[in-house]
Amino acid sequence: MADFYINIIMDDEKLKKIEAAGLADQIQEIDGKKAVQVGMNKKDKKKLCKGFPDLTFDSADACVLPEDAENTLIGIIQDMGTLDVMKVAITKLYNPLAGKSIRSVA
């Protein structure tokens, strides 16, 4: 069981992708909406919080990613056919150099 979660709230397009990946049985109801949860550990959470400073977690230790990141995550889920994707996804979602200036070496 994961320590933290990313909630992906389903719309028609996301629902089709999740179903196409064979994960329809993973869809659950969260706050009255259809969603899937992607589990992650404390290290992944720390990286996501660095990459997305405005990310907030609810009382169930779950968050919702910005739209672009969520679309990337859905694509990875669809390609891999599982919700256990954070080892791969974190490399696509977390850019440790984001927002840092490029230093020249003289």
PDB file of N, CA and C in Angstrom:
ATOM      1  N   MET A   1       0.844  -1.184   0.000  1.00  0.00           N
ATOM      2  CA  MET A   1       0.000   0.000   0.000  1.00  0.00           C
ATOM      3  C   MET A   1       0.889   1.248   0.000  1.00  0.00           C
ATOM      4  N   ALA A   2       0.508   2.221  -0.781  1.00  0.00           N
ATOM      5  CA  ALA A   2       1.289   3.446  -0.919  1.00  0.00           C
ATOM      6  C   ALA A   2       1.051   4.388   0.253  1.00  0.00           C
ATOM      7  N   ASP A   3       2.015   5.277   0.453  1.00  0.00           N
ATOM      8  CA  ASP A   3       1.896   6.277   1.509  1.00  0.00           C
ATOM      9  C   ASP A   3       1.102   7.497   1.042  1.00  0.00           C
ATOM     10  N   PHE A   4       1.236   7.822  -0.251  1.00  0.00           N
ATOM     11  CA  PHE A   4       0.612   9.002  -0.833  1.00  0.00           C
ATOM     12  C   PHE A   4       0.024   8.619  -2.186  1.00  0.00           C
ATOM     13  N   TYR A   5      -0.890   9.464  -2.676  1.00  0.00           N
ATOM     14  CA  TYR A   5      -1.589   9.141  -3.918  1.00  0.00           C
ATOM     15  C   TYR A   5      -1.723  10.361  -4.818  1.00  0.00           C
ATOM     16  N   ILE A   6      -1.810  10.083  -6.101  1.00  0.00           N
ATOM     17  CA  ILE A   6      -2.209  11.076  -7.087  1.00  0.00           C
ATOM     18  C   ILE A   6      -3.590  10.645  -7.556  1.00  0.00           C
ATOM     19  N   ASN A   7      -4.572  11.519  -7.384  1.00  0.00           N
ATOM     20  CA  ASN A   7      -5.921  11.240  -7.872  1.00  0.00           C
ATOM     21  C   ASN A   7      -6.042  11.751  -9.300  1.00  0.00           C
ATOM     22  N   ILE A   8      -6.502  10.893 -10.171  1.00  0.00           N
ATOM     23  CA  ILE A   8      -6.784  11.303 -11.550  1.00  0.00           C
ATOM     24  C   ILE A   8      -8.291  11.217 -11.725  1.00  0.00           C
ATOM     25  N   ILE A   9      -8.927  12.381 -11.778  1.00  0.00           N
ATOM     26  CA  ILE A   9     -10.378  12.459 -11.932  1.00  0.00           C
ATOM     27  C   ILE A   9     -10.717  12.184 -13.394  1.00  0.00           C
ATOM     28  N   MET A  10     -11.661  11.284 -13.601  1.00  0.00           N
ATOM     29  CA  MET A  10     -12.000  10.830 -14.948  1.00  0.00           C
ATOM     30  C   MET A  10     -12.941  11.787 -15.677  1.00  0.00           C
ATOM     31  N   ASP A  11     -12.569  12.102 -16.910  1.00  0.00           N
ATOM     32  CA  ASP A  11     -13.512  12.674 -17.860  1.00  0.00           C
ATOM     33  C   ASP A  11     -13.673  11.600 -18.940  1.00  0.00           C
ATOM     34  N   ASP A  12     -14.453  11.845 -19.980  1.00  0.00           N
ATOM     35  CA  ASP A  12     -14.708  10.804 -20.978  1.00  0.00           C
ATOM     36  C   ASP A  12     -13.422  10.302 -21.642  1.00  0.00           C
ATOM     37  N   GLU A  13     -12.531  11.217 -21.980  1.00  0.00           N
ATOM     38  CA  GLU A  13     -11.291  10.844 -22.663  1.00  0.00           C
ATOM     39  C   GLU A  13     -10.384  10.005 -21.760  1.00  0.00           C
ATOM     40  N   LYS A  14     -10.218  10.434 -20.523  1.00  0.00           N
ATOM     41  CA  LYS A  14      -9.372   9.693 -19.584  1.00  0.00           C
ATOM     42  C   LYS A  14      -9.975   8.336 -19.269  1.00  0.00           C
ATOM     43  N   LEU A  15     -11.292   8.297 -19.151  1.00  0.00           N
ATOM     44  CA  LEU A  15     -11.977   7.036 -18.883  1.00  0.00           C
ATOM     45  C   LEU A  15     -11.708   6.031 -19.996  1.00  0.00           C
ATOM     46  N   LYS A  16     -11.771   6.480 -21.244  1.00  0.00           N
ATOM     47  CA  LYS A  16     -11.503   5.605 -22.392  1.00  0.00           C
ATOM     48  C   LYS A  16     -10.071   5.074 -22.336  1.00  0.00           C
ATOM     49  N   LYS A  17      -9.119   5.940 -21.984  1.00  0.00           N
ATOM     50  CA  LYS A  17      -7.715   5.521 -21.917  1.00  0.00           C
ATOM     51  C   LYS A  17      -7.493   4.500 -20.801  1.00  0.00           C
ATOM     52  N   ILE A  18      -8.104   4.721 -19.657  1.00  0.00           N
ATOM     53  CA  ILE A  18      -7.972   3.785 -18.533  1.00  0.00           C
ATOM     54  C   ILE A  18      -8.615   2.443 -18.897  1.00  0.00           C
ATOM     55  N   GLU A  19      -9.771   2.489 -19.523  1.00  0.00           N
ATOM     56  CA  GLU A  19     -10.434   1.254 -19.941  1.00  0.00           C
ATOM     57  C   GLU A  19      -9.613   0.525 -21.007  1.00  0.00           C
ATOM     58  N   ALA A  20      -9.023   1.279 -21.948  1.00  0.00           N
ATOM     59  CA  ALA A  20      -8.199   0.680 -23.001  1.00  0.00           C
ATOM     60  C   ALA A  20      -6.952   0.016 -22.412  1.00  0.00           C
ATOM     61  N   ALA A  21      -6.470   0.528 -21.295  1.00  0.00           N
ATOM     62  CA  ALA A  21      -5.302  -0.056 -20.628  1.00  0.00           C
ATOM     63  C   ALA A  21      -5.687  -1.281 -19.793  1.00  0.00           C
ATOM     64  N   GLY A  22      -6.982  -1.625 -19.775  1.00  0.00           N
ATOM     65  CA  GLY A  22      -7.442  -2.779 -19.020  1.00  0.00           C
ATOM     66  C   GLY A  22      -7.550  -2.527 -17.527  1.00  0.00           C
ATOM     67  N   LEU A  23      -7.736  -1.273 -17.145  1.00  0.00           N
ATOM     68  CA  LEU A  23      -7.758  -0.901 -15.733  1.00  0.00           C
ATOM     69  C   LEU A  23      -9.117  -0.397 -15.250  1.00  0.00           C
ATOM     70  N   ALA A  24     -10.171  -0.747 -15.960  1.00  0.00           N
ATOM     71  CA  ALA A  24     -11.509  -0.284 -15.577  1.00  0.00           C
ATOM     72  C   ALA A  24     -11.867  -0.713 -14.155  1.00  0.00           C
ATOM     73  N   ASP A  25     -11.326  -1.850 -13.713  1.00  0.00           N
ATOM     74  CA  ASP A  25     -11.623  -2.331 -12.363  1.00  0.00           C
ATOM     75  C   ASP A  25     -10.929  -1.503 -11.274  1.00  0.00           C
ATOM     76  N   GLN A  26     -10.024  -0.624 -11.661  1.00  0.00           N
ATOM     77  CA  GLN A  26      -9.315   0.235 -10.708  1.00  0.00           C
ATOM     78  C   GLN A  26     -10.013   1.575 -10.479  1.00  0.00           C
ATOM     79  N   ILE A  27     -11.059   1.846 -11.256  1.00  0.00           N
ATOM     80  CA  ILE A  27     -11.789   3.106 -11.115  1.00  0.00           C
ATOM     81  C   ILE A  27     -12.613   3.052  -9.837  1.00  0.00           C
ATOM     82  N   GLN A  28     -12.520   4.101  -9.054  1.00  0.00           N
ATOM     83  CA  GLN A  28     -13.271   4.183  -7.807  1.00  0.00           C
ATOM     84  C   GLN A  28     -13.927   5.554  -7.704  1.00  0.00           C
ATOM     85  N   GLU A  29     -14.788   5.711  -6.721  1.00  0.00           N
ATOM     86  CA  GLU A  29     -15.446   6.992  -6.520  1.00  0.00           C
ATOM     87  C   GLU A  29     -14.734   7.746  -5.404  1.00  0.00           C
ATOM     88  N   ILE A  30     -14.268   8.952  -5.735  1.00  0.00           N
ATOM     89  CA  ILE A  30     -13.587   9.813  -4.773  1.00  0.00           C
ATOM     90  C   ILE A  30     -14.296  11.158  -4.794  1.00  0.00           C
ATOM     91  N   ASP A  31     -14.813  11.558  -3.651  1.00  0.00           N
ATOM     92  CA  ASP A  31     -15.566  12.818  -3.540  1.00  0.00           C
ATOM     93  C   ASP A  31     -16.679  12.917  -4.578  1.00  0.00           C
ATOM     94  N   GLY A  32     -17.341  11.803  -4.835  1.00  0.00           N
ATOM     95  CA  GLY A  32     -18.469  11.785  -5.758  1.00  0.00           C
ATOM     96  C   GLY A  32     -18.095  11.775  -7.222  1.00  0.00           C
ATOM     97  N   LYS A  33     -16.805  11.612  -7.523  1.00  0.00           N
ATOM     98  CA  LYS A  33     -16.346  11.596  -8.919  1.00  0.00           C
ATOM     99  C   LYS A  33     -15.603  10.295  -9.185  1.00  0.00           C
ATOM    100  N   LYS A  34     -15.675   9.844 -10.437  1.00  0.00           N
ATOM    101  CA  LYS A  34     -14.912   8.663 -10.827  1.00  0.00           C
ATOM    102  C   LYS A  34     -13.440   9.055 -10.935  1.00  0.00           C
ATOM    103  N   ALA A  35     -12.570   8.201 -10.383  1.00  0.00           N
ATOM    104  CA  ALA A  35     -11.143   8.500 -10.382  1.00  0.00           C
ATOM    105  C   ALA A  35     -10.339   7.219 -10.240  1.00  0.00           C
ATOM    106  N   VAL A  36      -9.054   7.321 -10.565  1.00  0.00           N
ATOM    107  CA  VAL A  36      -8.097   6.276 -10.236  1.00  0.00           C
ATOM    108  C   VAL A  36      -7.028   6.912  -9.363  1.00  0.00           C
ATOM    109  N   GLN A  37      -6.398   6.084  -8.540  1.00  0.00           N
ATOM    110  CA  GLN A  37      -5.340   6.575  -7.666  1.00  0.00           C
ATOM    111  C   GLN A  37      -4.027   5.898  -8.030  1.00  0.00           C
ATOM    112  N   VAL A  38      -3.005   6.715  -8.198  1.00  0.00           N
ATOM    113  CA  VAL A  38      -1.659   6.220  -8.453  1.00  0.00           C
ATOM    114  C   VAL A  38      -0.878   6.392  -7.160  1.00  0.00           C
ATOM    115  N   GLY A  39      -0.389   5.301  -6.638  1.00  0.00           N
ATOM    116  CA  GLY A  39       0.343   5.344  -5.377  1.00  0.00           C
ATOM    117  C   GLY A  39       1.775   5.814  -5.563  1.00  0.00           C
ATOM    118  N   MET A  40       2.288   6.436  -4.512  1.00  0.00           N
ATOM    119  CA  MET A  40       3.691   6.871  -4.537  1.00  0.00           C
ATOM    120  C   MET A  40       4.241   6.852  -3.124  1.00  0.00           C
ATOM    121  N   ASN A  41       5.552   6.880  -3.030  1.00  0.00           N
ATOM    122  CA  ASN A  41       6.194   6.883  -1.722  1.00  0.00           C
ATOM    123  C   ASN A  41       6.587   8.305  -1.318  1.00  0.00           C
ATOM    124  N   LYS A  42       7.182   8.424  -0.152  1.00  0.00           N
ATOM    125  CA  LYS A  42       7.545   9.739   0.393  1.00  0.00           C
ATOM    126  C   LYS A  42       8.568  10.454  -0.487  1.00  0.00           C
ATOM    127  N   LYS A  43       9.495   9.700  -1.050  1.00  0.00           N
ATOM    128  CA  LYS A  43      10.529  10.279  -1.918  1.00  0.00           C
ATOM    129  C   LYS A  43       9.902  10.872  -3.190  1.00  0.00           C
ATOM    130  N   ASP A  44       8.949  10.127  -3.781  1.00  0.00           N
ATOM    131  CA  ASP A  44       8.247  10.633  -4.967  1.00  0.00           C
ATOM    132  C   ASP A  44       7.461  11.896  -4.636  1.00  0.00           C
ATOM    133  N   LYS A  45       6.814  11.899  -3.470  1.00  0.00           N
ATOM    134  CA  LYS A  45       6.042  13.077  -3.044  1.00  0.00           C
ATOM    135  C   LYS A  45       6.959  14.288  -2.918  1.00  0.00           C
ATOM    136  N   LYS A  46       8.125  14.085  -2.331  1.00  0.00           N
ATOM    137  CA  LYS A  46       9.066  15.179  -2.148  1.00  0.00           C
ATOM    138  C   LYS A  46       9.500  15.757  -3.498  1.00  0.00           C
ATOM    139  N   LYS A  47       9.770  14.882  -4.455  1.00  0.00           N
ATOM    140  CA  LYS A  47      10.164  15.337  -5.794  1.00  0.00           C
ATOM    141  C   LYS A  47       9.027  16.087  -6.481  1.00  0.00           C
ATOM    142  N   LEU A  48       7.810  15.554  -6.361  1.00  0.00           N
ATOM    143  CA  LEU A  48       6.667  16.235  -6.982  1.00  0.00           C
ATOM    144  C   LEU A  48       6.436  17.608  -6.363  1.00  0.00           C
ATOM    145  N   CYS A  49       6.597  17.702  -5.049  1.00  0.00           N
ATOM    146  CA  CYS A  49       6.408  18.992  -4.380  1.00  0.00           C
ATOM    147  C   CYS A  49       7.467  20.005  -4.808  1.00  0.00           C
ATOM    148  N   LYS A  50       8.674  19.534  -5.091  1.00  0.00           N
ATOM    149  CA  LYS A  50       9.718  20.425  -5.610  1.00  0.00           C
ATOM    150  C   LYS A  50       9.388  20.853  -7.037  1.00  0.00           C
ATOM    151  N   GLY A  51       8.901  19.905  -7.836  1.00  0.00           N
ATOM    152  CA  GLY A  51       8.581  20.195  -9.230  1.00  0.00           C
ATOM    153  C   GLY A  51       7.314  21.011  -9.407  1.00  0.00           C
ATOM    154  N   PHE A  52       6.382  20.849  -8.470  1.00  0.00           N
ATOM    155  CA  PHE A  52       5.098  21.555  -8.522  1.00  0.00           C
ATOM    156  C   PHE A  52       4.859  22.197  -7.162  1.00  0.00           C
ATOM    157  N   PRO A  53       5.434  23.380  -6.920  1.00  0.00           N
ATOM    158  CA  PRO A  53       5.354  24.011  -5.598  1.00  0.00           C
ATOM    159  C   PRO A  53       3.930  24.299  -5.119  1.00  0.00           C
ATOM    160  N   ASP A  54       2.966  24.410  -6.019  1.00  0.00           N
ATOM    161  CA  ASP A  54       1.585  24.700  -5.638  1.00  0.00           C
ATOM    162  C   ASP A  54       0.776  23.433  -5.339  1.00  0.00           C
ATOM    163  N   LEU A  55       1.410  22.273  -5.407  1.00  0.00           N
ATOM    164  CA  LEU A  55       0.728  21.007  -5.173  1.00  0.00           C
ATOM    165  C   LEU A  55       0.278  20.908  -3.720  1.00  0.00           C
ATOM    166  N   THR A  56      -0.984  20.538  -3.526  1.00  0.00           N
ATOM    167  CA  THR A  56      -1.503  20.390  -2.166  1.00  0.00           C
ATOM    168  C   THR A  56      -2.057  18.984  -1.985  1.00  0.00           C
ATOM    169  N   PHE A  57      -1.907  18.475  -0.778  1.00  0.00           N
ATOM    170  CA  PHE A  57      -2.397  17.139  -0.435  1.00  0.00           C
ATOM    171  C   PHE A  57      -3.568  17.275   0.522  1.00  0.00           C
ATOM    172  N   ASP A  58      -4.570  16.412   0.331  1.00  0.00           N
ATOM    173  CA  ASP A  58      -5.748  16.443   1.206  1.00  0.00           C
ATOM    174  C   ASP A  58      -5.517  15.569   2.434  1.00  0.00           C
ATOM    175  N   SER A  59      -6.546  15.404   3.235  1.00  0.00           N
ATOM    176  CA  SER A  59      -6.432  14.640   4.478  1.00  0.00           C
ATOM    177  C   SER A  59      -6.153  13.157   4.228  1.00  0.00           C
ATOM    178  N   ALA A  60      -6.417  12.684   3.013  1.00  0.00           N
ATOM    179  CA  ALA A  60      -6.142  11.289   2.658  1.00  0.00           C
ATOM    180  C   ALA A  60      -4.766  11.138   1.999  1.00  0.00           C
ATOM    181  N   ASP A  61      -3.926  12.187   2.110  1.00  0.00           N
ATOM    182  CA  ASP A  61      -2.592  12.195   1.503  1.00  0.00           C
ATOM    183  C   ASP A  61      -2.647  11.998  -0.004  1.00  0.00           C
ATOM    184  N   ALA A  62      -3.610  12.641  -0.653  1.00  0.00           N
ATOM    185  CA  ALA A  62      -3.775  12.561  -2.099  1.00  0.00           C
ATOM    186  C   ALA A  62      -3.731  13.955  -2.699  1.00  0.00           C
ATOM    187  N   CYS A  63      -3.247  14.030  -3.941  1.00  0.00           N
ATOM    188  CA  CYS A  63      -3.179  15.307  -4.645  1.00  0.00           C
ATOM    189  C   CYS A  63      -3.697  15.130  -6.061  1.00  0.00           C
ATOM    190  N   VAL A  64      -3.877  16.244  -6.742  1.00  0.00           N
ATOM    191  CA  VAL A  64      -4.244  16.254  -8.152  1.00  0.00           C
ATOM    192  C   VAL A  64      -3.165  17.055  -8.865  1.00  0.00           C
ATOM    193  N   LEU A  65      -2.571  16.459  -9.897  1.00  0.00           N
ATOM    194  CA  LEU A  65      -1.507  17.121 -10.648  1.00  0.00           C
ATOM    195  C   LEU A  65      -2.074  18.176 -11.592  1.00  0.00           C
ATOM    196  N   PRO A  66      -1.243  19.143 -11.986  1.00  0.00           N
ATOM    197  CA  PRO A  66      -1.658  20.075 -13.047  1.00  0.00           C
ATOM    198  C   PRO A  66      -1.971  19.285 -14.325  1.00  0.00           C
ATOM    199  N   GLU A  67      -2.773  19.860 -15.189  1.00  0.00           N
ATOM    200  CA  GLU A  67      -3.294  19.153 -16.363  1.00  0.00           C
ATOM    201  C   GLU A  67      -2.207  18.536 -17.242  1.00  0.00           C
ATOM    202  N   ASP A  68      -1.153  19.274 -17.561  1.00  0.00           N
ATOM    203  CA  ASP A  68      -0.096  18.739 -18.432  1.00  0.00           C
ATOM    204  C   ASP A  68       0.570  17.517 -17.809  1.00  0.00           C
ATOM    205  N   ALA A  69       0.885  17.617 -16.528  1.00  0.00           N
ATOM    206  CA  ALA A  69       1.518  16.496 -15.831  1.00  0.00           C
ATOM    207  C   ALA A  69       0.571  15.305 -15.736  1.00  0.00           C
ATOM    208  N   GLU A  70      -0.694  15.583 -15.502  1.00  0.00           N
ATOM    209  CA  GLU A  70      -1.684  14.509 -15.427  1.00  0.00           C
ATOM    210  C   GLU A  70      -1.813  13.796 -16.765  1.00  0.00           C
ATOM    211  N   ASN A  71      -1.783  14.550 -17.867  1.00  0.00           N
ATOM    212  CA  ASN A  71      -1.853  13.937 -19.197  1.00  0.00           C
ATOM    213  C   ASN A  71      -0.633  13.057 -19.456  1.00  0.00           C
ATOM    214  N   THR A  72       0.535  13.504 -19.014  1.00  0.00           N
ATOM    215  CA  THR A  72       1.748  12.696 -19.130  1.00  0.00           C
ATOM    216  C   THR A  72       1.592  11.403 -18.341  1.00  0.00           C
ATOM    217  N   LEU A  73       1.085  11.513 -17.132  1.00  0.00           N
ATOM    218  CA  LEU A  73       0.891  10.342 -16.280  1.00  0.00           C
ATOM    219  C   LEU A  73      -0.111   9.364 -16.893  1.00  0.00           C
ATOM    220  N   ILE A  74      -1.200   9.869 -17.440  1.00  0.00           N
ATOM    221  CA  ILE A  74      -2.203   9.009 -18.102  1.00  0.00           C
ATOM    222  C   ILE A  74      -1.560   8.271 -19.275  1.00  0.00           C
ATOM    223  N   GLY A  75      -0.734   8.961 -20.045  1.00  0.00           N
ATOM    224  CA  GLY A  75      -0.041   8.321 -21.177  1.00  0.00           C
ATOM    225  C   GLY A  75       0.858   7.183 -20.723  1.00  0.00           C
ATOM    226  N   ILE A  76       1.563   7.379 -19.626  1.00  0.00           N
ATOM    227  CA  ILE A  76       2.439   6.332 -19.085  1.00  0.00           C
ATOM    228  C   ILE A  76       1.606   5.153 -18.596  1.00  0.00           C
ATOM    229  N   ILE A  77       0.508   5.444 -17.909  1.00  0.00           N
ATOM    230  CA  ILE A  77      -0.389   4.378 -17.436  1.00  0.00           C
ATOM    231  C   ILE A  77      -0.917   3.582 -18.617  1.00  0.00           C
ATOM    232  N   GLN A  78      -1.321   4.276 -19.657  1.00  0.00           N
ATOM    233  CA  GLN A  78      -1.866   3.604 -20.831  1.00  0.00           C
ATOM    234  C   GLN A  78      -0.799   2.727 -21.495  1.00  0.00           C
ATOM    235  N   ASP A  79       0.425   3.231 -21.618  1.00  0.00           N
ATOM    236  CA  ASP A  79       1.508   2.470 -22.240  1.00  0.00           C
ATOM    237  C   ASP A  79       1.890   1.233 -21.429  1.00  0.00           C
ATOM    238  N   MET A  80       1.915   1.386 -20.096  1.00  0.00           N
ATOM    239  CA  MET A  80       2.366   0.295 -19.240  1.00  0.00           C
ATOM    240  C   MET A  80       1.248  -0.652 -18.809  1.00  0.00           C
ATOM    241  N   GLY A  81       0.001  -0.204 -18.866  1.00  0.00           N
ATOM    242  CA  GLY A  81      -1.125  -1.048 -18.499  1.00  0.00           C
ATOM    243  C   GLY A  81      -1.225  -1.342 -17.013  1.00  0.00           C
ATOM    244  N   THR A  82      -0.710  -0.435 -16.196  1.00  0.00           N
ATOM    245  CA  THR A  82      -0.772  -0.590 -14.748  1.00  0.00           C
ATOM    246  C   THR A  82      -0.796   0.781 -14.084  1.00  0.00           C
ATOM    247  N   LEU A  83      -1.265   0.817 -12.830  1.00  0.00           N
ATOM    248  CA  LEU A  83      -1.214   2.065 -12.064  1.00  0.00           C
ATOM    249  C   LEU A  83       0.079   2.168 -11.262  1.00  0.00           C
ATOM    250  N   ASP A  84       0.883   1.128 -11.261  1.00  0.00           N
ATOM    251  CA  ASP A  84       2.155   1.111 -10.551  1.00  0.00           C
ATOM    252  C   ASP A  84       3.245   1.659 -11.473  1.00  0.00           C
ATOM    253  N   VAL A  85       3.193   2.981 -11.700  1.00  0.00           N
ATOM    254  CA  VAL A  85       4.055   3.594 -12.710  1.00  0.00           C
ATOM    255  C   VAL A  85       5.010   4.666 -12.174  1.00  0.00           C
ATOM    256  N   MET A  86       5.000   4.915 -10.875  1.00  0.00           N
ATOM    257  CA  MET A  86       5.748   6.076 -10.376  1.00  0.00           C
ATOM    258  C   MET A  86       7.255   5.980 -10.587  1.00  0.00           C
ATOM    259  N   LYS A  87       7.830   4.798 -10.607  1.00  0.00           N
ATOM    260  CA  LYS A  87       9.271   4.682 -10.852  1.00  0.00           C
ATOM    261  C   LYS A  87       9.632   5.242 -12.221  1.00  0.00           C
ATOM    262  N   VAL A  88       8.763   5.033 -13.201  1.00  0.00           N
ATOM    263  CA  VAL A  88       8.970   5.563 -14.550  1.00  0.00           C
ATOM    264  C   VAL A  88       8.460   6.995 -14.633  1.00  0.00           C
ATOM    265  N   ALA A  89       7.293   7.245 -14.088  1.00  0.00           N
ATOM    266  CA  ALA A  89       6.636   8.548 -14.243  1.00  0.00           C
ATOM    267  C   ALA A  89       7.410   9.678 -13.585  1.00  0.00           C
ATOM    268  N   ILE A  90       8.041   9.409 -12.453  1.00  0.00           N
ATOM    269  CA  ILE A  90       8.725  10.495 -11.739  1.00  0.00           C
ATOM    270  C   ILE A  90       9.843  11.089 -12.597  1.00  0.00           C
ATOM    271  N   THR A  91      10.461  10.274 -13.460  1.00  0.00           N
ATOM    272  CA  THR A  91      11.518  10.793 -14.325  1.00  0.00           C
ATOM    273  C   THR A  91      10.958  11.733 -15.385  1.00  0.00           C
ATOM    274  N   LYS A  92       9.717  11.529 -15.760  1.00  0.00           N
ATOM    275  CA  LYS A  92       9.065  12.397 -16.755  1.00  0.00           C
ATOM    276  C   LYS A  92       8.436  13.632 -16.103  1.00  0.00           C
ATOM    277  N   LEU A  93       7.985  13.485 -14.859  1.00  0.00           N
ATOM    278  CA  LEU A  93       7.262  14.569 -14.193  1.00  0.00           C
ATOM    279  C   LEU A  93       8.173  15.525 -13.434  1.00  0.00           C
ATOM    280  N   TYR A  94       9.282  15.009 -12.922  1.00  0.00           N
ATOM    281  CA  TYR A  94      10.147  15.820 -12.067  1.00  0.00           C
ATOM    282  C   TYR A  94      11.377  16.259 -12.823  1.00  0.00           C
ATOM    283  N   ASN A  95      11.552  17.561 -12.951  1.00  0.00           N
ATOM    284  CA  ASN A  95      12.735  18.129 -13.581  1.00  0.00           C
ATOM    285  C   ASN A  95      13.504  18.885 -12.507  1.00  0.00           C
ATOM    286  N   PRO A  96      14.592  18.299 -11.994  1.00  0.00           N
ATOM    287  CA  PRO A  96      15.301  18.942 -10.886  1.00  0.00           C
ATOM    288  C   PRO A  96      15.905  20.297 -11.233  1.00  0.00           C
ATOM    289  N   LEU A  97      16.046  20.598 -12.507  1.00  0.00           N
ATOM    290  CA  LEU A  97      16.634  21.870 -12.906  1.00  0.00           C
ATOM    291  C   LEU A  97      15.600  22.927 -13.281  1.00  0.00           C
ATOM    292  N   ALA A  98      14.345  22.610 -13.150  1.00  0.00           N
ATOM    293  CA  ALA A  98      13.291  23.572 -13.499  1.00  0.00           C
ATOM    294  C   ALA A  98      13.419  24.828 -12.658  1.00  0.00           C
ATOM    295  N   GLY A  99      13.374  25.964 -13.337  1.00  0.00           N
ATOM    296  CA  GLY A  99      13.406  27.237 -12.627  1.00  0.00           C
ATOM    297  C   GLY A  99      14.792  27.711 -12.248  1.00  0.00           C
ATOM    298  N   LYS A 100      15.819  26.905 -12.502  1.00  0.00           N
ATOM    299  CA  LYS A 100      17.178  27.313 -12.167  1.00  0.00           C
ATOM    300  C   LYS A 100      17.836  27.905 -13.400  1.00  0.00           C
ATOM    301  N   SER A 101      18.634  28.939 -13.172  1.00  0.00           N
ATOM    302  CA  SER A 101      19.313  29.577 -14.295  1.00  0.00           C
ATOM    303  C   SER A 101      20.511  28.720 -14.729  1.00  0.00           C
ATOM    304  N   ILE A 102      20.836  28.849 -15.981  1.00  0.00           N
ATOM    305  CA  ILE A 102      21.975  28.117 -16.521  1.00  0.00           C
ATOM    306  C   ILE A 102      23.234  28.916 -16.219  1.00  0.00           C
ATOM    307  N   ARG A 103      24.177  28.270 -15.584  1.00  0.00           N
ATOM    308  CA  ARG A 103      25.434  28.942 -15.259  1.00  0.00           C
ATOM    309  C   ARG A 103      26.462  28.617 -16.321  1.00  0.00           C
ATOM    310  N   SER A 104      27.189  29.603 -16.706  1.00  0.00           N
ATOM    311  CA  SER A 104      28.238  29.334 -17.687  1.00  0.00           C
ATOM    312  C   SER A 104      29.515  28.973 -16.947  1.00  0.00           C
ATOM    313  N   VAL A 105      30.282  28.121 -17.561  1.00  0.00           N
ATOM    314  CA  VAL A 105      31.553  27.704 -16.983  1.00  0.00           C
ATOM    315  C   VAL A 105      32.642  28.469 -17.694  1.00  0.00           C
ATOM    316  N   ALA A 106      33.396  29.248 -16.938  1.00  0.00           N
ATOM    317  CA  ALA A 106      34.441  30.076 -17.548  1.00  0.00           C
ATOM    318  C   ALA A 106      35.808  29.612 -17.134  1.00  0.00           C
TER     319      ALA A 106
END
